[in-house]
Amino acid sequence: MQTRPEIAMRRFLLSLAALAALSSPAFATGGFSCAVKDKNLTLDAEAGFSYSIGGGLLNFRGAFELPKKLAPKGLERVTLTPSHLAHDWLYDGELRLLLHAETEGDLPFGSVDIIVRTKMTDDETTYDGDYKLILNRADADSVERTGKVSCSVG
């Protein structure tokens, strides 16, 4: 049989453990989506992310499409996977992405880089900015195009 001091100590330790569990940080998640639709590029990309430090992006996916006369052969339409996301930045009111794709197999070398640079607007969930499209082919000079991009972050 437990004595009163033992019961009090047990309750105190249980209360302390519960308080420690409740005061641990919450690991919330959010997400973003970005879209472009103009004469140079159609882009839809999205991912989830963790608000905790080092959490990184979750389930990055999307697709881009380029006009046939502009695109390197084999890169007219690309389904995006995490391997296409070369760099990402979501910090201090900025969202930046660097997407990269290259031709595969027996096709002549070609690559596409899409650089997205946005800043948070007054409503704090819309991030507007610019994209830069850089196209490289083995048989031609590099081509660059720019345009507007809008992202939603929440």
C-alpha atoms as a PDB file:
ATOM      1  CA  MET A   1       0.000   0.000   0.000  1.00  0.00           C
ATOM      2  CA  GLN A   2       1.318   3.463  -0.931  1.00  0.00           C
ATOM      3  CA  THR A   3       1.680   6.191   1.647  1.00  0.00           C
ATOM      4  CA  ARG A   4       0.364   9.722   1.184  1.00  0.00           C
ATOM      5  CA  PRO A   5       3.814  11.158   0.322  1.00  0.00           C
ATOM      6  CA  GLU A   6       4.308   8.424  -2.329  1.00  0.00           C
ATOM      7  CA  ILE A   7       0.879   9.139  -3.873  1.00  0.00           C
ATOM      8  CA  ALA A   8       1.574  12.894  -3.849  1.00  0.00           C
ATOM      9  CA  MET A   9       4.981  12.359  -5.483  1.00  0.00           C
ATOM     10  CA  ARG A  10       3.449  10.077  -8.132  1.00  0.00           C
ATOM     11  CA  ARG A  11       0.769  12.675  -8.952  1.00  0.00           C
ATOM     12  CA  PHE A  12       3.412  15.403  -9.091  1.00  0.00           C
ATOM     13  CA  LEU A  13       5.569  13.386 -11.532  1.00  0.00           C
ATOM     14  CA  LEU A  14       2.553  12.560 -13.744  1.00  0.00           C
ATOM     15  CA  SER A  15       1.544  16.234 -13.773  1.00  0.00           C
ATOM     16  CA  LEU A  16       5.093  17.257 -14.647  1.00  0.00           C
ATOM     17  CA  ALA A  17       5.204  14.736 -17.523  1.00  0.00           C
ATOM     18  CA  ALA A  18       1.839  15.971 -18.853  1.00  0.00           C
ATOM     19  CA  LEU A  19       2.973  19.590 -18.648  1.00  0.00           C
ATOM     20  CA  ALA A  20       6.194  18.764 -20.526  1.00  0.00           C
ATOM     21  CA  ALA A  21       4.222  16.993 -23.273  1.00  0.00           C
ATOM     22  CA  LEU A  22       1.810  19.887 -23.656  1.00  0.00           C
ATOM     23  CA  SER A  23       4.538  22.512 -23.778  1.00  0.00           C
ATOM     24  CA  SER A  24       6.530  20.845 -26.590  1.00  0.00           C
ATOM     25  CA  PRO A  25       6.481  22.719 -29.893  1.00  0.00           C
ATOM     26  CA  ALA A  26       3.807  21.895 -32.444  1.00  0.00           C
ATOM     27  CA  PHE A  27       5.052  20.794 -35.841  1.00  0.00           C
ATOM     28  CA  ALA A  28       2.562  22.476 -38.143  1.00  0.00           C
ATOM     29  CA  THR A  29       2.539  22.120 -41.893  1.00  0.00           C
ATOM     30  CA  GLY A  30       1.486  24.393 -44.706  1.00  0.00           C
ATOM     31  CA  GLY A  31       1.796  24.442 -48.445  1.00  0.00           C
ATOM     32  CA  PHE A  32       2.277  26.500 -51.566  1.00  0.00           C
ATOM     33  CA  SER A  33       1.179  26.447 -55.158  1.00  0.00           C
ATOM     34  CA  CYS A  34       2.536  28.498 -58.061  1.00  0.00           C
ATOM     35  CA  ALA A  35       1.062  29.087 -61.497  1.00  0.00           C
ATOM     36  CA  VAL A  36       2.075  30.667 -64.798  1.00  0.00           C
ATOM     37  CA  LYS A  37       0.158  30.715 -68.048  1.00  0.00           C
ATOM     38  CA  ASP A  38       1.573  32.934 -70.774  1.00  0.00           C
ATOM     39  CA  LYS A  39       3.027  32.648 -74.288  1.00  0.00           C
ATOM     40  CA  ASN A  40       6.354  31.236 -73.011  1.00  0.00           C
ATOM     41  CA  LEU A  41       5.396  28.902 -70.203  1.00  0.00           C
ATOM     42  CA  THR A  42       2.560  27.061 -68.537  1.00  0.00           C
ATOM     43  CA  LEU A  43       3.549  26.009 -65.025  1.00  0.00           C
ATOM     44  CA  ASP A  44       1.693  24.495 -62.106  1.00  0.00           C
ATOM     45  CA  ALA A  45       3.737  23.449 -59.074  1.00  0.00           C
ATOM     46  CA  GLU A  46       2.863  22.711 -55.477  1.00  0.00           C
ATOM     47  CA  ALA A  47       4.251  21.254 -52.288  1.00  0.00           C
ATOM     48  CA  GLY A  48       3.610  20.975 -48.610  1.00  0.00           C
ATOM     49  CA  PHE A  49       6.156  22.146 -46.073  1.00  0.00           C
ATOM     50  CA  SER A  50       6.898  21.998 -42.394  1.00  0.00           C
ATOM     51  CA  TYR A  51       7.112  25.205 -40.395  1.00  0.00           C
ATOM     52  CA  SER A  52       9.777  23.619 -38.180  1.00  0.00           C
ATOM     53  CA  ILE A  53      13.447  24.277 -38.875  1.00  0.00           C
ATOM     54  CA  GLY A  54      14.900  21.711 -41.232  1.00  0.00           C
ATOM     55  CA  GLY A  55      11.477  20.353 -42.140  1.00  0.00           C
ATOM     56  CA  GLY A  56      11.847  20.871 -45.869  1.00  0.00           C
ATOM     57  CA  LEU A  57       9.297  20.446 -48.616  1.00  0.00           C
ATOM     58  CA  LEU A  58       6.837  17.579 -48.740  1.00  0.00           C
ATOM     59  CA  ASN A  59       5.401  15.980 -51.882  1.00  0.00           C
ATOM     60  CA  PHE A  60       6.674  18.478 -54.447  1.00  0.00           C
ATOM     61  CA  ARG A  61       4.878  17.941 -57.767  1.00  0.00           C
ATOM     62  CA  GLY A  62       3.583  19.708 -60.832  1.00  0.00           C
ATOM     63  CA  ALA A  63       4.172  20.117 -64.547  1.00  0.00           C
ATOM     64  CA  PHE A  64       5.372  22.636 -67.054  1.00  0.00           C
ATOM     65  CA  GLU A  65       4.730  23.002 -70.754  1.00  0.00           C
ATOM     66  CA  LEU A  66       6.668  25.022 -73.327  1.00  0.00           C
ATOM     67  CA  PRO A  67       5.717  25.999 -76.872  1.00  0.00           C
ATOM     68  CA  LYS A  68       7.100  23.390 -79.312  1.00  0.00           C
ATOM     69  CA  LYS A  69       9.088  25.958 -81.293  1.00  0.00           C
ATOM     70  CA  LEU A  70      10.777  27.190 -78.104  1.00  0.00           C
ATOM     71  CA  ALA A  71      11.343  23.937 -76.200  1.00  0.00           C
ATOM     72  CA  PRO A  72      14.374  21.680 -76.525  1.00  0.00           C
ATOM     73  CA  LYS A  73      13.244  18.385 -78.097  1.00  0.00           C
ATOM     74  CA  GLY A  74      11.947  16.080 -75.378  1.00  0.00           C
ATOM     75  CA  LEU A  75      11.249  18.909 -72.918  1.00  0.00           C
ATOM     76  CA  GLU A  76       8.014  20.256 -74.372  1.00  0.00           C
ATOM     77  CA  ARG A  77       6.060  18.929 -71.386  1.00  0.00           C
ATOM     78  CA  VAL A  78       7.623  17.765 -68.125  1.00  0.00           C
ATOM     79  CA  THR A  79       5.910  16.236 -65.113  1.00  0.00           C
ATOM     80  CA  LEU A  80       7.743  17.628 -62.102  1.00  0.00           C
ATOM     81  CA  THR A  81       9.040  15.441 -59.299  1.00  0.00           C
ATOM     82  CA  PRO A  82      11.200  16.301 -56.276  1.00  0.00           C
ATOM     83  CA  SER A  83      14.307  15.587 -58.403  1.00  0.00           C
ATOM     84  CA  HIS A  84      13.454  18.617 -60.589  1.00  0.00           C
ATOM     85  CA  LEU A  85      13.527  21.005 -57.626  1.00  0.00           C
ATOM     86  CA  ALA A  86      17.160  22.109 -57.485  1.00  0.00           C
ATOM     87  CA  HIS A  87      16.627  24.801 -54.845  1.00  0.00           C
ATOM     88  CA  ASP A  88      13.819  26.268 -52.733  1.00  0.00           C
ATOM     89  CA  TRP A  89      13.553  29.203 -50.356  1.00  0.00           C
ATOM     90  CA  LEU A  90      10.605  30.249 -48.228  1.00  0.00           C
ATOM     91  CA  TYR A  91      11.795  32.815 -45.718  1.00  0.00           C
ATOM     92  CA  ASP A  92      11.166  36.388 -44.621  1.00  0.00           C
ATOM     93  CA  GLY A  93       8.354  37.057 -47.075  1.00  0.00           C
ATOM     94  CA  GLU A  94      10.059  35.484 -50.098  1.00  0.00           C
ATOM     95  CA  LEU A  95       9.364  32.286 -51.996  1.00  0.00           C
ATOM     96  CA  ARG A  96      11.989  31.225 -54.524  1.00  0.00           C
ATOM     97  CA  LEU A  97      12.262  28.058 -56.583  1.00  0.00           C
ATOM     98  CA  LEU A  98      14.785  26.729 -59.068  1.00  0.00           C
ATOM     99  CA  LEU A  99      13.425  23.994 -61.305  1.00  0.00           C
ATOM    100  CA  HIS A 100      15.763  22.073 -63.610  1.00  0.00           C
ATOM    101  CA  ALA A 101      15.096  19.423 -66.266  1.00  0.00           C
ATOM    102  CA  GLU A 102      17.378  17.826 -68.846  1.00  0.00           C
ATOM    103  CA  THR A 103      16.810  15.603 -71.857  1.00  0.00           C
ATOM    104  CA  GLU A 104      17.285  11.891 -71.358  1.00  0.00           C
ATOM    105  CA  GLY A 105      18.214   8.919 -73.481  1.00  0.00           C
ATOM    106  CA  ASP A 106      19.418   9.375 -77.069  1.00  0.00           C
ATOM    107  CA  LEU A 107      18.072  12.907 -77.485  1.00  0.00           C
ATOM    108  CA  PRO A 108      20.580  15.717 -78.066  1.00  0.00           C
ATOM    109  CA  PHE A 109      21.395  17.612 -74.877  1.00  0.00           C
ATOM    110  CA  GLY A 110      18.824  20.146 -73.808  1.00  0.00           C
ATOM    111  CA  SER A 111      17.935  21.695 -70.484  1.00  0.00           C
ATOM    112  CA  VAL A 112      15.318  23.952 -68.957  1.00  0.00           C
ATOM    113  CA  ASP A 113      15.797  26.096 -65.871  1.00  0.00           C
ATOM    114  CA  ILE A 114      12.857  27.947 -64.361  1.00  0.00           C
ATOM    115  CA  ILE A 115      13.748  30.463 -61.662  1.00  0.00           C
ATOM    116  CA  VAL A 116      10.785  31.711 -59.603  1.00  0.00           C
ATOM    117  CA  ARG A 117      11.266  34.798 -57.385  1.00  0.00           C
ATOM    118  CA  THR A 118       8.256  36.082 -55.455  1.00  0.00           C
ATOM    119  CA  LYS A 119       7.494  38.345 -52.498  1.00  0.00           C
ATOM    120  CA  MET A 120       4.600  38.288 -50.069  1.00  0.00           C
ATOM    121  CA  THR A 121       1.808  40.768 -50.792  1.00  0.00           C
ATOM    122  CA  ASP A 122      -0.273  42.658 -48.238  1.00  0.00           C
ATOM    123  CA  ASP A 123      -2.712  39.774 -47.754  1.00  0.00           C
ATOM    124  CA  GLU A 124       0.209  37.567 -46.580  1.00  0.00           C
ATOM    125  CA  THR A 125      -0.935  34.497 -48.532  1.00  0.00           C
ATOM    126  CA  THR A 126      -0.290  35.684 -52.092  1.00  0.00           C
ATOM    127  CA  TYR A 127       3.285  35.856 -53.326  1.00  0.00           C
ATOM    128  CA  ASP A 128       3.722  37.680 -56.643  1.00  0.00           C
ATOM    129  CA  GLY A 129       6.852  38.050 -58.707  1.00  0.00           C
ATOM    130  CA  ASP A 130       8.739  37.057 -61.815  1.00  0.00           C
ATOM    131  CA  TYR A 131      10.077  33.937 -63.422  1.00  0.00           C
ATOM    132  CA  LYS A 132      13.085  33.515 -65.671  1.00  0.00           C
ATOM    133  CA  LEU A 133      13.102  30.687 -68.194  1.00  0.00           C
ATOM    134  CA  ILE A 134      16.515  29.571 -69.477  1.00  0.00           C
ATOM    135  CA  LEU A 135      16.610  27.079 -72.349  1.00  0.00           C
ATOM    136  CA  ASN A 136      19.808  25.368 -73.489  1.00  0.00           C
ATOM    137  CA  ARG A 137      20.327  23.167 -76.541  1.00  0.00           C
ATOM    138  CA  ALA A 138      23.478  21.474 -77.811  1.00  0.00           C
ATOM    139  CA  ASP A 139      22.907  22.886 -81.298  1.00  0.00           C
ATOM    140  CA  ALA A 140      21.879  26.476 -80.495  1.00  0.00           C
ATOM    141  CA  ASP A 141      22.506  29.461 -78.288  1.00  0.00           C
ATOM    142  CA  SER A 142      20.809  29.727 -74.949  1.00  0.00           C
ATOM    143  CA  VAL A 143      17.374  31.387 -74.923  1.00  0.00           C
ATOM    144  CA  GLU A 144      15.938  33.369 -72.013  1.00  0.00           C
ATOM    145  CA  ARG A 145      12.383  34.507 -71.416  1.00  0.00           C
ATOM    146  CA  THR A 146      10.753  36.218 -68.446  1.00  0.00           C
ATOM    147  CA  GLY A 147       7.243  36.655 -67.177  1.00  0.00           C
ATOM    148  CA  LYS A 148       4.997  37.029 -64.150  1.00  0.00           C
ATOM    149  CA  VAL A 149       4.243  34.325 -61.620  1.00  0.00           C
ATOM    150  CA  SER A 150       1.809  34.154 -58.727  1.00  0.00           C
ATOM    151  CA  CYS A 151       1.970  31.776 -55.780  1.00  0.00           C
ATOM    152  CA  SER A 152      -0.298  31.047 -52.862  1.00  0.00           C
ATOM    153  CA  VAL A 153       1.226  30.143 -49.506  1.00  0.00           C
ATOM    154  CA  GLY A 154      -0.623  28.978 -46.437  1.00  0.00           C
END
